[in-house]
């Protein structure tokens, strides 16, 4: 099966390849005539495992998205770790429902639009690097908050940096038209995404459910 890699991984993968070649080459050069040649083989295996992890992290699987204006799709892959009512005071200024998805380093880290609509709000916040499962990460960590207004619903979604994630990439700006399931950003290494929904949205996922970006229905829009 052909592996598609995300463009955000280009520099990281090139550096990983160069480091792998240099380190393994030096290991064999320095140890080839010694009784420690076995160490060079261990180093080689370790570097190849690291390279495989990097390739796995930046994979970008091709997904067929079924457009449905009556549902909100998961904006990323990962585990549902929070479903709760909150008082949102950054854009909506009212009670909303928050669904949070934790992405481990082994998840696909492509971020996808949960609905089709127009971007009404997009703001980057500097902040801390608390671990992504910390409840305070939603409001205190480095993050980008986007709000999209669709035909039947307005949804907010946050890309949140974690203890390892130190680079949030967001491709959309206010006024852009976005389409359900299309890519809008990427987060490097483990991280979290919050989906902010109105109270009349019917959440259909449960805690610890595994979500797939652009495929798993997070909530349905009540008529």
C-alpha atoms as a PDB file:
ATOM      1  CA  UNK A   1       0.000   0.000   0.000  1.00  0.00           C
ATOM      2  CA  UNK A   2       1.337   3.439  -0.927  1.00  0.00           C
ATOM      3  CA  UNK A   3       2.224   5.650   2.045  1.00  0.00           C
ATOM      4  CA  UNK A   4       1.232   9.321   1.711  1.00  0.00           C
ATOM      5  CA  UNK A   5       3.269  11.695   3.841  1.00  0.00           C
ATOM      6  CA  UNK A   6       2.162  15.121   5.004  1.00  0.00           C
ATOM      7  CA  UNK A   7       4.022  18.164   3.690  1.00  0.00           C
ATOM      8  CA  UNK A   8       4.623  19.366   7.260  1.00  0.00           C
ATOM      9  CA  UNK A   9       6.936  16.402   7.759  1.00  0.00           C
ATOM     10  CA  UNK A  10       9.279  17.140   4.855  1.00  0.00           C
ATOM     11  CA  UNK A  11      12.033  18.891   6.828  1.00  0.00           C
ATOM     12  CA  UNK A  12      11.757  16.549   9.829  1.00  0.00           C
ATOM     13  CA  UNK A  13      11.975  13.445   7.652  1.00  0.00           C
ATOM     14  CA  UNK A  14      14.977  14.755   5.700  1.00  0.00           C
ATOM     15  CA  UNK A  15      16.791  15.530   8.959  1.00  0.00           C
ATOM     16  CA  UNK A  16      15.878  12.098  10.349  1.00  0.00           C
ATOM     17  CA  UNK A  17      17.230  10.398   7.197  1.00  0.00           C
ATOM     18  CA  UNK A  18      20.508  12.340   7.338  1.00  0.00           C
ATOM     19  CA  UNK A  19      20.991  11.678  11.055  1.00  0.00           C
ATOM     20  CA  UNK A  20      20.238   7.966  10.557  1.00  0.00           C
ATOM     21  CA  UNK A  21      22.823   7.634   7.784  1.00  0.00           C
ATOM     22  CA  UNK A  22      25.485   9.612   9.649  1.00  0.00           C
ATOM     23  CA  UNK A  23      25.037   7.900  13.028  1.00  0.00           C
ATOM     24  CA  UNK A  24      24.917   4.350  11.646  1.00  0.00           C
ATOM     25  CA  UNK A  25      27.839   5.068   9.300  1.00  0.00           C
ATOM     26  CA  UNK A  26      29.973   6.391  12.160  1.00  0.00           C
ATOM     27  CA  UNK A  27      29.013   3.463  14.375  1.00  0.00           C
ATOM     28  CA  UNK A  28      30.232   0.901  11.842  1.00  0.00           C
ATOM     29  CA  UNK A  29      33.322   2.947  10.950  1.00  0.00           C
ATOM     30  CA  UNK A  30      34.430   3.244  14.579  1.00  0.00           C
ATOM     31  CA  UNK A  31      33.497  -0.261  15.716  1.00  0.00           C
ATOM     32  CA  UNK A  32      34.064  -2.459  12.637  1.00  0.00           C
ATOM     33  CA  UNK A  33      37.434  -3.838  13.794  1.00  0.00           C
ATOM     34  CA  UNK A  34      36.537  -4.189  17.456  1.00  0.00           C
ATOM     35  CA  UNK A  35      34.734  -6.716  19.587  1.00  0.00           C
ATOM     36  CA  UNK A  36      31.935  -4.176  19.992  1.00  0.00           C
ATOM     37  CA  UNK A  37      30.666  -4.360  16.403  1.00  0.00           C
ATOM     38  CA  UNK A  38      27.377  -5.664  17.830  1.00  0.00           C
ATOM     39  CA  UNK A  39      26.793  -2.200  19.289  1.00  0.00           C
ATOM     40  CA  UNK A  40      26.751  -0.784  15.756  1.00  0.00           C
ATOM     41  CA  UNK A  41      23.968  -3.195  14.818  1.00  0.00           C
ATOM     42  CA  UNK A  42      21.951  -2.185  17.885  1.00  0.00           C
ATOM     43  CA  UNK A  43      22.419   1.496  17.013  1.00  0.00           C
ATOM     44  CA  UNK A  44      21.318   0.797  13.436  1.00  0.00           C
ATOM     45  CA  UNK A  45      18.148  -0.956  14.584  1.00  0.00           C
ATOM     46  CA  UNK A  46      17.401   1.902  16.987  1.00  0.00           C
ATOM     47  CA  UNK A  47      17.842   4.539  14.284  1.00  0.00           C
ATOM     48  CA  UNK A  48      15.652   2.594  11.850  1.00  0.00           C
ATOM     49  CA  UNK A  49      12.930   2.314  14.495  1.00  0.00           C
ATOM     50  CA  UNK A  50      13.136   6.087  15.049  1.00  0.00           C
ATOM     51  CA  UNK A  51      12.861   6.687  11.304  1.00  0.00           C
ATOM     52  CA  UNK A  52       9.836   4.371  11.114  1.00  0.00           C
ATOM     53  CA  UNK A  53       8.152   6.264  13.989  1.00  0.00           C
ATOM     54  CA  UNK A  54       8.702   9.571  12.186  1.00  0.00           C
ATOM     55  CA  UNK A  55       7.249   8.207   8.941  1.00  0.00           C
ATOM     56  CA  UNK A  56       4.271   6.827  10.866  1.00  0.00           C
ATOM     57  CA  UNK A  57       3.706  10.169  12.597  1.00  0.00           C
ATOM     58  CA  UNK A  58       3.636  12.189   9.366  1.00  0.00           C
ATOM     59  CA  UNK A  59       1.466   9.756   7.427  1.00  0.00           C
ATOM     60  CA  UNK A  60      -1.495  11.314   5.654  1.00  0.00           C
ATOM     61  CA  UNK A  61      -3.981   8.582   4.708  1.00  0.00           C
ATOM     62  CA  UNK A  62      -6.364   9.263   1.859  1.00  0.00           C
ATOM     63  CA  UNK A  63      -9.931   9.291   3.197  1.00  0.00           C
ATOM     64  CA  UNK A  64     -13.230   9.462   1.376  1.00  0.00           C
ATOM     65  CA  UNK A  65     -15.495  11.910   3.232  1.00  0.00           C
ATOM     66  CA  UNK A  66     -19.274  11.528   3.126  1.00  0.00           C
ATOM     67  CA  UNK A  67     -20.655  15.078   3.238  1.00  0.00           C
ATOM     68  CA  UNK A  68     -23.550  15.406   5.694  1.00  0.00           C
ATOM     69  CA  UNK A  69     -24.748  18.837   6.869  1.00  0.00           C
ATOM     70  CA  UNK A  70     -26.683  17.258   9.732  1.00  0.00           C
ATOM     71  CA  UNK A  71     -23.597  15.957  11.579  1.00  0.00           C
ATOM     72  CA  UNK A  72     -20.335  17.228  13.075  1.00  0.00           C
ATOM     73  CA  UNK A  73     -17.352  15.044  12.246  1.00  0.00           C
ATOM     74  CA  UNK A  74     -14.308  14.491  14.439  1.00  0.00           C
ATOM     75  CA  UNK A  75     -11.623  17.010  13.411  1.00  0.00           C
ATOM     76  CA  UNK A  76      -8.814  14.559  14.216  1.00  0.00           C
ATOM     77  CA  UNK A  77      -7.901  11.019  15.164  1.00  0.00           C
ATOM     78  CA  UNK A  78      -7.628  10.081  18.835  1.00  0.00           C
ATOM     79  CA  UNK A  79      -9.468   9.179  22.024  1.00  0.00           C
ATOM     80  CA  UNK A  80     -12.445  11.103  23.416  1.00  0.00           C
ATOM     81  CA  UNK A  81     -11.296  12.248  26.877  1.00  0.00           C
ATOM     82  CA  UNK A  82     -13.795  14.995  27.793  1.00  0.00           C
ATOM     83  CA  UNK A  83     -17.534  15.534  27.266  1.00  0.00           C
ATOM     84  CA  UNK A  84     -18.816  18.359  29.440  1.00  0.00           C
ATOM     85  CA  UNK A  85     -20.794  21.566  29.562  1.00  0.00           C
ATOM     86  CA  UNK A  86     -18.656  24.707  29.821  1.00  0.00           C
ATOM     87  CA  UNK A  87     -19.070  28.459  29.967  1.00  0.00           C
ATOM     88  CA  UNK A  88     -17.290  29.572  26.789  1.00  0.00           C
ATOM     89  CA  UNK A  89     -16.012  33.146  27.065  1.00  0.00           C
ATOM     90  CA  UNK A  90     -13.679  33.519  24.091  1.00  0.00           C
ATOM     91  CA  UNK A  91     -16.223  33.829  21.275  1.00  0.00           C
ATOM     92  CA  UNK A  92     -19.722  32.541  22.060  1.00  0.00           C
ATOM     93  CA  UNK A  93     -19.951  33.934  25.613  1.00  0.00           C
ATOM     94  CA  UNK A  94     -22.526  31.382  26.696  1.00  0.00           C
ATOM     95  CA  UNK A  95     -22.877  27.806  27.880  1.00  0.00           C
ATOM     96  CA  UNK A  96     -21.642  25.269  25.316  1.00  0.00           C
ATOM     97  CA  UNK A  97     -20.719  21.588  25.169  1.00  0.00           C
ATOM     98  CA  UNK A  98     -17.041  20.675  24.884  1.00  0.00           C
ATOM     99  CA  UNK A  99     -15.835  17.396  23.404  1.00  0.00           C
ATOM    100  CA  UNK A 100     -12.073  16.867  23.665  1.00  0.00           C
ATOM    101  CA  UNK A 101      -9.988  14.391  21.676  1.00  0.00           C
ATOM    102  CA  UNK A 102      -6.484  13.411  22.796  1.00  0.00           C
ATOM    103  CA  UNK A 103      -3.996  12.577  20.035  1.00  0.00           C
ATOM    104  CA  UNK A 104      -1.092  10.335  20.977  1.00  0.00           C
ATOM    105  CA  UNK A 105       2.168  10.458  18.959  1.00  0.00           C
ATOM    106  CA  UNK A 106       0.928   7.344  17.132  1.00  0.00           C
ATOM    107  CA  UNK A 107      -2.285   8.934  15.795  1.00  0.00           C
ATOM    108  CA  UNK A 108      -2.663  10.620  12.415  1.00  0.00           C
ATOM    109  CA  UNK A 109      -2.168  14.323  13.171  1.00  0.00           C
ATOM    110  CA  UNK A 110      -3.951  15.847  10.195  1.00  0.00           C
ATOM    111  CA  UNK A 111      -6.723  18.210  11.361  1.00  0.00           C
ATOM    112  CA  UNK A 112      -9.977  18.323   9.383  1.00  0.00           C
ATOM    113  CA  UNK A 113     -12.965  20.690   9.299  1.00  0.00           C
ATOM    114  CA  UNK A 114     -15.903  19.172  11.210  1.00  0.00           C
ATOM    115  CA  UNK A 115     -18.485  21.090   9.136  1.00  0.00           C
ATOM    116  CA  UNK A 116     -18.836  23.019   5.888  1.00  0.00           C
ATOM    117  CA  UNK A 117     -19.093  26.767   6.390  1.00  0.00           C
ATOM    118  CA  UNK A 118     -17.362  30.137   6.676  1.00  0.00           C
ATOM    119  CA  UNK A 119     -14.588  30.927   9.164  1.00  0.00           C
ATOM    120  CA  UNK A 120     -15.884  33.623  11.506  1.00  0.00           C
ATOM    121  CA  UNK A 121     -13.065  33.621  14.037  1.00  0.00           C
ATOM    122  CA  UNK A 122      -9.443  32.464  14.022  1.00  0.00           C
ATOM    123  CA  UNK A 123      -6.999  33.398  16.753  1.00  0.00           C
ATOM    124  CA  UNK A 124      -3.648  32.128  17.978  1.00  0.00           C
ATOM    125  CA  UNK A 125      -2.923  32.253  21.720  1.00  0.00           C
ATOM    126  CA  UNK A 126       0.513  31.949  23.278  1.00  0.00           C
ATOM    127  CA  UNK A 127       0.517  29.845  26.392  1.00  0.00           C
ATOM    128  CA  UNK A 128       1.894  27.029  28.503  1.00  0.00           C
ATOM    129  CA  UNK A 129       2.748  23.448  27.539  1.00  0.00           C
ATOM    130  CA  UNK A 130       0.780  21.509  30.127  1.00  0.00           C
ATOM    131  CA  UNK A 131       0.177  17.859  29.278  1.00  0.00           C
ATOM    132  CA  UNK A 132      -2.732  17.608  26.843  1.00  0.00           C
ATOM    133  CA  UNK A 133      -4.967  15.644  29.226  1.00  0.00           C
ATOM    134  CA  UNK A 134      -4.757  18.401  31.853  1.00  0.00           C
ATOM    135  CA  UNK A 135      -8.172  20.192  31.981  1.00  0.00           C
ATOM    136  CA  UNK A 136      -6.404  23.567  32.172  1.00  0.00           C
ATOM    137  CA  UNK A 137      -4.742  22.961  28.784  1.00  0.00           C
ATOM    138  CA  UNK A 138      -7.935  24.133  27.030  1.00  0.00           C
ATOM    139  CA  UNK A 139      -7.529  27.680  28.335  1.00  0.00           C
ATOM    140  CA  UNK A 140      -3.887  27.984  29.416  1.00  0.00           C
ATOM    141  CA  UNK A 141      -1.860  26.160  26.747  1.00  0.00           C
ATOM    142  CA  UNK A 142      -0.627  27.502  23.437  1.00  0.00           C
ATOM    143  CA  UNK A 143      -3.550  27.044  21.051  1.00  0.00           C
ATOM    144  CA  UNK A 144      -5.376  28.176  17.938  1.00  0.00           C
ATOM    145  CA  UNK A 145      -9.133  28.683  18.185  1.00  0.00           C
ATOM    146  CA  UNK A 146     -11.249  28.574  15.025  1.00  0.00           C
ATOM    147  CA  UNK A 147     -15.007  29.098  14.690  1.00  0.00           C
ATOM    148  CA  UNK A 148     -16.895  28.020  11.571  1.00  0.00           C
ATOM    149  CA  UNK A 149     -20.475  28.999  10.790  1.00  0.00           C
ATOM    150  CA  UNK A 150     -22.366  26.400   8.796  1.00  0.00           C
ATOM    151  CA  UNK A 151     -25.829  26.190   7.324  1.00  0.00           C
ATOM    152  CA  UNK A 152     -27.429  24.810  10.477  1.00  0.00           C
ATOM    153  CA  UNK A 153     -24.826  25.242  13.218  1.00  0.00           C
ATOM    154  CA  UNK A 154     -21.800  27.233  14.375  1.00  0.00           C
ATOM    155  CA  UNK A 155     -18.920  25.182  15.776  1.00  0.00           C
ATOM    156  CA  UNK A 156     -15.656  26.090  17.470  1.00  0.00           C
ATOM    157  CA  UNK A 157     -12.539  23.920  17.462  1.00  0.00           C
ATOM    158  CA  UNK A 158      -9.205  24.372  19.186  1.00  0.00           C
ATOM    159  CA  UNK A 159      -5.803  22.994  18.285  1.00  0.00           C
ATOM    160  CA  UNK A 160      -4.050  22.717  21.642  1.00  0.00           C
ATOM    161  CA  UNK A 161      -0.331  22.201  22.199  1.00  0.00           C
ATOM    162  CA  UNK A 162       0.642  19.561  24.748  1.00  0.00           C
ATOM    163  CA  UNK A 163       3.756  18.607  26.665  1.00  0.00           C
ATOM    164  CA  UNK A 164       5.399  17.384  23.457  1.00  0.00           C
ATOM    165  CA  UNK A 165       3.545  19.299  20.749  1.00  0.00           C
ATOM    166  CA  UNK A 166       5.352  22.598  20.134  1.00  0.00           C
ATOM    167  CA  UNK A 167       4.157  23.448  16.638  1.00  0.00           C
ATOM    168  CA  UNK A 168       0.550  24.166  15.686  1.00  0.00           C
ATOM    169  CA  UNK A 169      -0.119  24.747  11.994  1.00  0.00           C
ATOM    170  CA  UNK A 170      -3.404  26.395  10.974  1.00  0.00           C
ATOM    171  CA  UNK A 171      -4.156  27.119   7.314  1.00  0.00           C
ATOM    172  CA  UNK A 172      -7.458  29.021   7.587  1.00  0.00           C
ATOM    173  CA  UNK A 173      -8.302  32.663   8.255  1.00  0.00           C
ATOM    174  CA  UNK A 174     -11.459  34.692   8.838  1.00  0.00           C
ATOM    175  CA  UNK A 175     -13.654  34.773   5.734  1.00  0.00           C
ATOM    176  CA  UNK A 176     -12.368  31.513   4.253  1.00  0.00           C
ATOM    177  CA  UNK A 177     -14.853  28.938   3.008  1.00  0.00           C
ATOM    178  CA  UNK A 178     -14.125  25.515   4.493  1.00  0.00           C
ATOM    179  CA  UNK A 179     -15.479  22.117   3.608  1.00  0.00           C
ATOM    180  CA  UNK A 180     -16.359  19.184   5.818  1.00  0.00           C
ATOM    181  CA  UNK A 181     -13.511  16.692   6.081  1.00  0.00           C
ATOM    182  CA  UNK A 182     -10.990  18.902   4.273  1.00  0.00           C
ATOM    183  CA  UNK A 183      -7.683  19.574   5.977  1.00  0.00           C
ATOM    184  CA  UNK A 184      -7.301  22.836   7.886  1.00  0.00           C
ATOM    185  CA  UNK A 185      -4.166  22.221   9.941  1.00  0.00           C
ATOM    186  CA  UNK A 186      -1.632  19.918  11.552  1.00  0.00           C
ATOM    187  CA  UNK A 187      -0.139  19.513  15.046  1.00  0.00           C
ATOM    188  CA  UNK A 188       3.300  18.006  15.548  1.00  0.00           C
ATOM    189  CA  UNK A 189       3.586  15.280  18.208  1.00  0.00           C
ATOM    190  CA  UNK A 190       1.046  14.402  20.911  1.00  0.00           C
ATOM    191  CA  UNK A 191      -1.669  16.987  21.465  1.00  0.00           C
ATOM    192  CA  UNK A 192      -5.397  17.638  21.858  1.00  0.00           C
ATOM    193  CA  UNK A 193      -8.359  19.142  20.065  1.00  0.00           C
ATOM    194  CA  UNK A 194     -11.503  20.604  21.651  1.00  0.00           C
ATOM    195  CA  UNK A 195     -14.772  20.814  19.727  1.00  0.00           C
ATOM    196  CA  UNK A 196     -17.145  23.481  21.069  1.00  0.00           C
ATOM    197  CA  UNK A 197     -20.805  22.762  20.318  1.00  0.00           C
ATOM    198  CA  UNK A 198     -24.120  24.510  21.079  1.00  0.00           C
ATOM    199  CA  UNK A 199     -26.308  22.928  23.731  1.00  0.00           C
ATOM    200  CA  UNK A 200     -28.830  21.748  21.135  1.00  0.00           C
ATOM    201  CA  UNK A 201     -26.267  19.508  19.419  1.00  0.00           C
ATOM    202  CA  UNK A 202     -26.781  15.832  20.237  1.00  0.00           C
ATOM    203  CA  UNK A 203     -23.400  14.328  21.190  1.00  0.00           C
ATOM    204  CA  UNK A 204     -23.239  10.710  20.035  1.00  0.00           C
ATOM    205  CA  UNK A 205     -19.736   9.709  21.127  1.00  0.00           C
ATOM    206  CA  UNK A 206     -18.860   8.454  24.611  1.00  0.00           C
ATOM    207  CA  UNK A 207     -15.787   8.852  26.807  1.00  0.00           C
ATOM    208  CA  UNK A 208     -12.856   6.673  25.641  1.00  0.00           C
ATOM    209  CA  UNK A 209     -14.341   6.213  22.163  1.00  0.00           C
ATOM    210  CA  UNK A 210     -11.693   6.186  19.443  1.00  0.00           C
ATOM    211  CA  UNK A 211     -12.395   8.846  16.823  1.00  0.00           C
ATOM    212  CA  UNK A 212     -11.227   8.987  13.210  1.00  0.00           C
ATOM    213  CA  UNK A 213     -10.890  12.440  11.675  1.00  0.00           C
ATOM    214  CA  UNK A 214     -13.444  13.133   8.970  1.00  0.00           C
ATOM    215  CA  UNK A 215     -15.172   9.792   9.557  1.00  0.00           C
ATOM    216  CA  UNK A 216     -16.445   9.555  13.147  1.00  0.00           C
ATOM    217  CA  UNK A 217     -19.621  11.503  13.899  1.00  0.00           C
ATOM    218  CA  UNK A 218     -19.109  13.531  17.099  1.00  0.00           C
ATOM    219  CA  UNK A 219     -22.583  15.023  17.252  1.00  0.00           C
ATOM    220  CA  UNK A 220     -25.797  15.398  15.290  1.00  0.00           C
ATOM    221  CA  UNK A 221     -27.591  18.664  14.671  1.00  0.00           C
ATOM    222  CA  UNK A 222     -31.077  18.723  16.145  1.00  0.00           C
ATOM    223  CA  UNK A 223     -33.701  20.180  13.865  1.00  0.00           C
END
